[in-house]
């Protein structure tokens, strides 16, 4: 993927799909203390990775993200 120069990335909610690389780079740039990655691989299988091993904490963050997403759609 070639990066486009002179493009301002706006921190807004969009109804358009974004490139995976763009979303992952934004996450890297944010320098999070903890990260979950949930997606689908090229074969259509679930892909899940977490930077911490505690499954309960991962689930708690997923539920917190779910709540935030639900609030956006209201």
PDB file of N, CA and C in Angstrom:
ATOM      1  N   UNK A   1       0.843  -1.176   0.000  1.00  0.00           N
ATOM      2  CA  UNK A   1       0.000   0.000   0.000  1.00  0.00           C
ATOM      3  C   UNK A   1       0.888   1.238   0.000  1.00  0.00           C
ATOM      4  N   UNK A   2       0.677   2.126  -0.931  1.00  0.00           N
ATOM      5  CA  UNK A   2       1.437   3.364  -0.999  1.00  0.00           C
ATOM      6  C   UNK A   2       0.723   4.430  -0.193  1.00  0.00           C
ATOM      7  N   UNK A   3       1.479   5.120   0.666  1.00  0.00           N
ATOM      8  CA  UNK A   3       0.887   6.167   1.477  1.00  0.00           C
ATOM      9  C   UNK A   3       0.667   7.416   0.636  1.00  0.00           C
ATOM     10  N   UNK A   4      -0.463   8.050   0.844  1.00  0.00           N
ATOM     11  CA  UNK A   4      -0.793   9.280   0.145  1.00  0.00           C
ATOM     12  C   UNK A   4      -0.311  10.439   0.996  1.00  0.00           C
ATOM     13  N   UNK A   5       0.396  11.383   0.407  1.00  0.00           N
ATOM     14  CA  UNK A   5       0.905  12.534   1.145  1.00  0.00           C
ATOM     15  C   UNK A   5      -0.115  13.658   1.110  1.00  0.00           C
ATOM     16  N   UNK A   6       0.013  14.562   2.083  1.00  0.00           N
ATOM     17  CA  UNK A   6      -0.847  15.737   2.187  1.00  0.00           C
ATOM     18  C   UNK A   6      -2.308  15.377   2.395  1.00  0.00           C
ATOM     19  N   UNK A   7      -2.560  14.305   3.126  1.00  0.00           N
ATOM     20  CA  UNK A   7      -3.924  13.916   3.467  1.00  0.00           C
ATOM     21  C   UNK A   7      -4.063  14.021   4.971  1.00  0.00           C
ATOM     22  N   UNK A   8      -5.079  14.729   5.417  1.00  0.00           N
ATOM     23  CA  UNK A   8      -5.327  14.879   6.842  1.00  0.00           C
ATOM     24  C   UNK A   8      -6.305  13.799   7.281  1.00  0.00           C
ATOM     25  N   UNK A   9      -5.900  13.039   8.269  1.00  0.00           N
ATOM     26  CA  UNK A   9      -6.773  12.008   8.831  1.00  0.00           C
ATOM     27  C   UNK A   9      -7.608  12.658   9.925  1.00  0.00           C
ATOM     28  N   UNK A  10      -8.904  12.669   9.754  1.00  0.00           N
ATOM     29  CA  UNK A  10      -9.785  13.279  10.742  1.00  0.00           C
ATOM     30  C   UNK A  10     -10.276  12.242  11.736  1.00  0.00           C
ATOM     31  N   UNK A  11     -10.282  12.589  13.013  1.00  0.00           N
ATOM     32  CA  UNK A  11     -10.751  11.653  14.041  1.00  0.00           C
ATOM     33  C   UNK A  11     -12.282  11.670  14.155  1.00  0.00           C
ATOM     34  N   UNK A  12     -12.941  11.114  13.162  1.00  0.00           N
ATOM     35  CA  UNK A  12     -14.398  11.123  13.126  1.00  0.00           C
ATOM     36  C   UNK A  12     -14.931   9.708  12.925  1.00  0.00           C
ATOM     37  N   UNK A  13     -16.176   9.518  13.265  1.00  0.00           N
ATOM     38  CA  UNK A  13     -16.850   8.252  13.001  1.00  0.00           C
ATOM     39  C   UNK A  13     -17.319   8.277  11.553  1.00  0.00           C
ATOM     40  N   UNK A  14     -17.115   7.190  10.844  1.00  0.00           N
ATOM     41  CA  UNK A  14     -17.510   7.127   9.440  1.00  0.00           C
ATOM     42  C   UNK A  14     -18.352   5.885   9.184  1.00  0.00           C
ATOM     43  N   UNK A  15     -19.167   5.951   8.151  1.00  0.00           N
ATOM     44  CA  UNK A  15     -19.941   4.776   7.737  1.00  0.00           C
ATOM     45  C   UNK A  15     -19.229   4.018   6.623  1.00  0.00           C
ATOM     46  N   UNK A  16     -18.040   4.496   6.248  1.00  0.00           N
ATOM     47  CA  UNK A  16     -17.262   3.847   5.193  1.00  0.00           C
ATOM     48  C   UNK A  16     -16.264   2.861   5.789  1.00  0.00           C
ATOM     49  N   UNK A  17     -15.994   1.785   5.068  1.00  0.00           N
ATOM     50  CA  UNK A  17     -14.966   0.847   5.500  1.00  0.00           C
ATOM     51  C   UNK A  17     -13.599   1.496   5.349  1.00  0.00           C
ATOM     52  N   UNK A  18     -12.663   1.123   6.218  1.00  0.00           N
ATOM     53  CA  UNK A  18     -11.300   1.634   6.177  1.00  0.00           C
ATOM     54  C   UNK A  18     -10.339   0.496   5.900  1.00  0.00           C
ATOM     55  N   UNK A  19      -9.189   0.821   5.324  1.00  0.00           N
ATOM     56  CA  UNK A  19      -8.149  -0.184   5.099  1.00  0.00           C
ATOM     57  C   UNK A  19      -7.635  -0.707   6.432  1.00  0.00           C
ATOM     58  N   UNK A  20      -7.428  -2.013   6.510  1.00  0.00           N
ATOM     59  CA  UNK A  20      -6.919  -2.641   7.729  1.00  0.00           C
ATOM     60  C   UNK A  20      -5.608  -1.985   8.163  1.00  0.00           C
ATOM     61  N   UNK A  21      -4.706  -1.756   7.211  1.00  0.00           N
ATOM     62  CA  UNK A  21      -3.401  -1.170   7.533  1.00  0.00           C
ATOM     63  C   UNK A  21      -3.557   0.198   8.175  1.00  0.00           C
ATOM     64  N   UNK A  22      -4.505   0.973   7.702  1.00  0.00           N
ATOM     65  CA  UNK A  22      -4.735   2.320   8.250  1.00  0.00           C
ATOM     66  C   UNK A  22      -5.216   2.236   9.693  1.00  0.00           C
ATOM     67  N   UNK A  23      -6.134   1.328   9.965  1.00  0.00           N
ATOM     68  CA  UNK A  23      -6.665   1.170  11.323  1.00  0.00           C
ATOM     69  C   UNK A  23      -5.567   0.678  12.269  1.00  0.00           C
ATOM     70  N   UNK A  24      -4.791  -0.315  11.822  1.00  0.00           N
ATOM     71  CA  UNK A  24      -3.714  -0.841  12.668  1.00  0.00           C
ATOM     72  C   UNK A  24      -2.632   0.209  12.909  1.00  0.00           C
ATOM     73  N   UNK A  25      -2.300   1.004  11.900  1.00  0.00           N
ATOM     74  CA  UNK A  25      -1.290   2.049  12.076  1.00  0.00           C
ATOM     75  C   UNK A  25      -1.775   3.105  13.059  1.00  0.00           C
ATOM     76  N   UNK A  26      -3.047   3.456  13.001  1.00  0.00           N
ATOM     77  CA  UNK A  26      -3.605   4.422  13.948  1.00  0.00           C
ATOM     78  C   UNK A  26      -3.511   3.884  15.374  1.00  0.00           C
ATOM     79  N   UNK A  27      -3.729   2.585  15.528  1.00  0.00           N
ATOM     80  CA  UNK A  27      -3.594   1.968  16.853  1.00  0.00           C
ATOM     81  C   UNK A  27      -2.149   2.018  17.327  1.00  0.00           C
ATOM     82  N   UNK A  28      -1.206   1.725  16.458  1.00  0.00           N
ATOM     83  CA  UNK A  28       0.209   1.784  16.814  1.00  0.00           C
ATOM     84  C   UNK A  28       0.591   3.209  17.207  1.00  0.00           C
ATOM     85  N   UNK A  29       0.129   4.183  16.443  1.00  0.00           N
ATOM     86  CA  UNK A  29       0.440   5.585  16.720  1.00  0.00           C
ATOM     87  C   UNK A  29      -0.133   6.059  18.052  1.00  0.00           C
ATOM     88  N   UNK A  30      -1.259   5.470  18.471  1.00  0.00           N
ATOM     89  CA  UNK A  30      -1.889   5.841  19.745  1.00  0.00           C
ATOM     90  C   UNK A  30      -1.112   5.305  20.952  1.00  0.00           C
ATOM     91  N   UNK A  31      -0.205   4.379  20.717  1.00  0.00           N
ATOM     92  CA  UNK A  31       0.623   3.769  21.766  1.00  0.00           C
ATOM     93  C   UNK A  31      -0.205   3.268  22.962  1.00  0.00           C
ATOM     94  N   UNK A  32      -1.161   2.373  22.704  1.00  0.00           N
ATOM     95  CA  UNK A  32      -2.000   1.866  23.798  1.00  0.00           C
ATOM     96  C   UNK A  32      -1.202   1.007  24.774  1.00  0.00           C
ATOM     97  N   UNK A  33      -1.666   0.976  26.014  1.00  0.00           N
ATOM     98  CA  UNK A  33      -1.042   0.135  27.036  1.00  0.00           C
ATOM     99  C   UNK A  33      -1.478  -1.316  26.889  1.00  0.00           C
ATOM    100  N   UNK A  34      -2.595  -1.526  26.231  1.00  0.00           N
ATOM    101  CA  UNK A  34      -3.189  -2.853  26.102  1.00  0.00           C
ATOM    102  C   UNK A  34      -3.949  -2.882  24.787  1.00  0.00           C
ATOM    103  N   UNK A  35      -3.913  -4.006  24.098  1.00  0.00           N
ATOM    104  CA  UNK A  35      -4.608  -4.060  22.809  1.00  0.00           C
ATOM    105  C   UNK A  35      -5.236  -5.430  22.572  1.00  0.00           C
ATOM    106  N   UNK A  36      -6.400  -5.398  21.938  1.00  0.00           N
ATOM    107  CA  UNK A  36      -7.082  -6.593  21.436  1.00  0.00           C
ATOM    108  C   UNK A  36      -7.228  -6.414  19.931  1.00  0.00           C
ATOM    109  N   UNK A  37      -7.007  -7.469  19.189  1.00  0.00           N
ATOM    110  CA  UNK A  37      -7.226  -7.424  17.744  1.00  0.00           C
ATOM    111  C   UNK A  37      -8.213  -8.537  17.418  1.00  0.00           C
ATOM    112  N   UNK A  38      -9.333  -8.148  16.839  1.00  0.00           N
ATOM    113  CA  UNK A  38     -10.367  -9.110  16.467  1.00  0.00           C
ATOM    114  C   UNK A  38     -10.692  -8.881  15.001  1.00  0.00           C
ATOM    115  N   UNK A  39     -10.655  -9.917  14.230  1.00  0.00           N
ATOM    116  CA  UNK A  39     -10.944  -9.757  12.814  1.00  0.00           C
ATOM    117  C   UNK A  39     -11.175 -11.093  12.136  1.00  0.00           C
ATOM    118  N   UNK A  40     -11.068 -11.051  10.824  1.00  0.00           N
ATOM    119  CA  UNK A  40     -11.271 -12.230  10.006  1.00  0.00           C
ATOM    120  C   UNK A  40     -10.066 -12.372   9.086  1.00  0.00           C
ATOM    121  N   UNK A  41      -9.504 -13.572   9.027  1.00  0.00           N
ATOM    122  CA  UNK A  41      -8.343 -13.773   8.155  1.00  0.00           C
ATOM    123  C   UNK A  41      -8.794 -13.971   6.710  1.00  0.00           C
ATOM    124  N   UNK A  42      -7.827 -14.141   5.812  1.00  0.00           N
ATOM    125  CA  UNK A  42      -8.130 -14.244   4.376  1.00  0.00           C
ATOM    126  C   UNK A  42      -9.001 -15.446   4.037  1.00  0.00           C
ATOM    127  N   UNK A  43      -9.034 -16.460   4.937  1.00  0.00           N
ATOM    128  CA  UNK A  43      -9.857 -17.647   4.705  1.00  0.00           C
ATOM    129  C   UNK A  43     -11.230 -17.552   5.363  1.00  0.00           C
ATOM    130  N   UNK A  44     -11.519 -16.415   5.980  1.00  0.00           N
ATOM    131  CA  UNK A  44     -12.816 -16.226   6.623  1.00  0.00           C
ATOM    132  C   UNK A  44     -12.885 -16.743   8.051  1.00  0.00           C
ATOM    133  N   UNK A  45     -11.735 -17.096   8.633  1.00  0.00           N
ATOM    134  CA  UNK A  45     -11.701 -17.595  10.001  1.00  0.00           C
ATOM    135  C   UNK A  45     -11.496 -16.454  10.989  1.00  0.00           C
ATOM    136  N   UNK A  46     -12.007 -16.635  12.190  1.00  0.00           N
ATOM    137  CA  UNK A  46     -11.830 -15.659  13.258  1.00  0.00           C
ATOM    138  C   UNK A  46     -10.353 -15.492  13.577  1.00  0.00           C
ATOM    139  N   UNK A  47      -9.918 -14.233  13.707  1.00  0.00           N
ATOM    140  CA  UNK A  47      -8.569 -13.940  14.172  1.00  0.00           C
ATOM    141  C   UNK A  47      -8.716 -13.136  15.448  1.00  0.00           C
ATOM    142  N   UNK A  48      -8.059 -13.591  16.512  1.00  0.00           N
ATOM    143  CA  UNK A  48      -8.104 -12.893  17.794  1.00  0.00           C
ATOM    144  C   UNK A  48      -6.722 -12.918  18.409  1.00  0.00           C
ATOM    145  N   UNK A  49      -6.286 -11.767  18.894  1.00  0.00           N
ATOM    146  CA  UNK A  49      -5.013 -11.678  19.605  1.00  0.00           C
ATOM    147  C   UNK A  49      -5.150 -10.625  20.695  1.00  0.00           C
ATOM    148  N   UNK A  50      -4.438 -10.848  21.790  1.00  0.00           N
ATOM    149  CA  UNK A  50      -4.461  -9.927  22.912  1.00  0.00           C
ATOM    150  C   UNK A  50      -3.045  -9.745  23.419  1.00  0.00           C
ATOM    151  N   UNK A  51      -2.717  -8.532  23.839  1.00  0.00           N
ATOM    152  CA  UNK A  51      -1.371  -8.284  24.362  1.00  0.00           C
ATOM    153  C   UNK A  51      -1.231  -8.750  25.801  1.00  0.00           C
ATOM    154  N   UNK A  52      -2.318  -9.077  26.463  1.00  0.00           N
ATOM    155  CA  UNK A  52      -2.276  -9.618  27.817  1.00  0.00           C
ATOM    156  C   UNK A  52      -2.957 -10.977  27.836  1.00  0.00           C
ATOM    157  N   UNK A  53      -2.497 -11.811  28.733  1.00  0.00           N
ATOM    158  CA  UNK A  53      -2.977 -13.197  28.743  1.00  0.00           C
ATOM    159  C   UNK A  53      -4.265 -13.426  29.530  1.00  0.00           C
ATOM    160  N   UNK A  54      -4.713 -12.474  30.323  1.00  0.00           N
ATOM    161  CA  UNK A  54      -5.885 -12.647  31.174  1.00  0.00           C
ATOM    162  C   UNK A  54      -7.162 -12.586  30.329  1.00  0.00           C
ATOM    163  N   UNK A  55      -7.800 -13.736  30.132  1.00  0.00           N
ATOM    164  CA  UNK A  55      -9.012 -13.808  29.325  1.00  0.00           C
ATOM    165  C   UNK A  55     -10.159 -13.006  29.902  1.00  0.00           C
ATOM    166  N   UNK A  56     -10.251 -12.958  31.229  1.00  0.00           N
ATOM    167  CA  UNK A  56     -11.303 -12.169  31.868  1.00  0.00           C
ATOM    168  C   UNK A  56     -11.147 -10.688  31.579  1.00  0.00           C
ATOM    169  N   UNK A  57      -9.910 -10.208  31.610  1.00  0.00           N
ATOM    170  CA  UNK A  57      -9.662  -8.796  31.309  1.00  0.00           C
ATOM    171  C   UNK A  57      -9.958  -8.506  29.844  1.00  0.00           C
ATOM    172  N   UNK A  58      -9.594  -9.420  28.960  1.00  0.00           N
ATOM    173  CA  UNK A  58      -9.893  -9.240  27.537  1.00  0.00           C
ATOM    174  C   UNK A  58     -11.401  -9.146  27.329  1.00  0.00           C
ATOM    175  N   UNK A  59     -12.157 -10.011  27.969  1.00  0.00           N
ATOM    176  CA  UNK A  59     -13.612  -9.984  27.848  1.00  0.00           C
ATOM    177  C   UNK A  59     -14.181  -8.685  28.393  1.00  0.00           C
ATOM    178  N   UNK A  60     -13.633  -8.207  29.524  1.00  0.00           N
ATOM    179  CA  UNK A  60     -14.096  -6.950  30.106  1.00  0.00           C
ATOM    180  C   UNK A  60     -13.899  -5.808  29.118  1.00  0.00           C
ATOM    181  N   UNK A  61     -12.736  -5.750  28.450  1.00  0.00           N
ATOM    182  CA  UNK A  61     -12.474  -4.694  27.468  1.00  0.00           C
ATOM    183  C   UNK A  61     -13.365  -4.844  26.241  1.00  0.00           C
ATOM    184  N   UNK A  62     -13.657  -6.063  25.832  1.00  0.00           N
ATOM    185  CA  UNK A  62     -14.568  -6.260  24.699  1.00  0.00           C
ATOM    186  C   UNK A  62     -15.959  -5.734  25.038  1.00  0.00           C
ATOM    187  N   UNK A  63     -16.420  -6.004  26.252  1.00  0.00           N
ATOM    188  CA  UNK A  63     -17.740  -5.524  26.673  1.00  0.00           C
ATOM    189  C   UNK A  63     -17.756  -4.007  26.792  1.00  0.00           C
ATOM    190  N   UNK A  64     -16.664  -3.423  27.265  1.00  0.00           N
ATOM    191  CA  UNK A  64     -16.571  -1.973  27.358  1.00  0.00           C
ATOM    192  C   UNK A  64     -16.615  -1.353  25.953  1.00  0.00           C
ATOM    193  N   UNK A  65     -15.909  -1.958  25.009  1.00  0.00           N
ATOM    194  CA  UNK A  65     -15.928  -1.481  23.626  1.00  0.00           C
ATOM    195  C   UNK A  65     -17.318  -1.654  23.019  1.00  0.00           C
ATOM    196  N   UNK A  66     -17.972  -2.768  23.337  1.00  0.00           N
ATOM    197  CA  UNK A  66     -19.329  -3.021  22.841  1.00  0.00           C
ATOM    198  C   UNK A  66     -20.280  -1.924  23.324  1.00  0.00           C
ATOM    199  N   UNK A  67     -20.168  -1.564  24.585  1.00  0.00           N
ATOM    200  CA  UNK A  67     -21.030  -0.516  25.134  1.00  0.00           C
ATOM    201  C   UNK A  67     -20.774   0.816  24.431  1.00  0.00           C
ATOM    202  N   UNK A  68     -19.493   1.162  24.219  1.00  0.00           N
ATOM    203  CA  UNK A  68     -19.156   2.403  23.539  1.00  0.00           C
ATOM    204  C   UNK A  68     -19.716   2.407  22.112  1.00  0.00           C
ATOM    205  N   UNK A  69     -19.618   1.290  21.426  1.00  0.00           N
ATOM    206  CA  UNK A  69     -20.137   1.174  20.069  1.00  0.00           C
ATOM    207  C   UNK A  69     -21.653   1.333  20.043  1.00  0.00           C
ATOM    208  N   UNK A  70     -22.329   0.734  21.003  1.00  0.00           N
ATOM    209  CA  UNK A  70     -23.779   0.858  21.076  1.00  0.00           C
ATOM    210  C   UNK A  70     -24.186   2.299  21.330  1.00  0.00           C
ATOM    211  N   UNK A  71     -23.422   3.028  22.136  1.00  0.00           N
ATOM    212  CA  UNK A  71     -23.741   4.419  22.425  1.00  0.00           C
ATOM    213  C   UNK A  71     -23.530   5.309  21.200  1.00  0.00           C
ATOM    214  N   UNK A  72     -22.571   4.973  20.344  1.00  0.00           N
ATOM    215  CA  UNK A  72     -22.326   5.739  19.119  1.00  0.00           C
ATOM    216  C   UNK A  72     -23.535   5.645  18.199  1.00  0.00           C
ATOM    217  N   UNK A  73     -24.143   4.468  18.135  1.00  0.00           N
ATOM    218  CA  UNK A  73     -25.230   4.243  17.179  1.00  0.00           C
ATOM    219  C   UNK A  73     -26.556   4.837  17.638  1.00  0.00           C
ATOM    220  N   UNK A  74     -26.627   5.327  18.864  1.00  0.00           N
ATOM    221  CA  UNK A  74     -27.893   5.888  19.346  1.00  0.00           C
ATOM    222  C   UNK A  74     -28.070   7.323  18.943  1.00  0.00           C
TER     223      UNK A  74
END
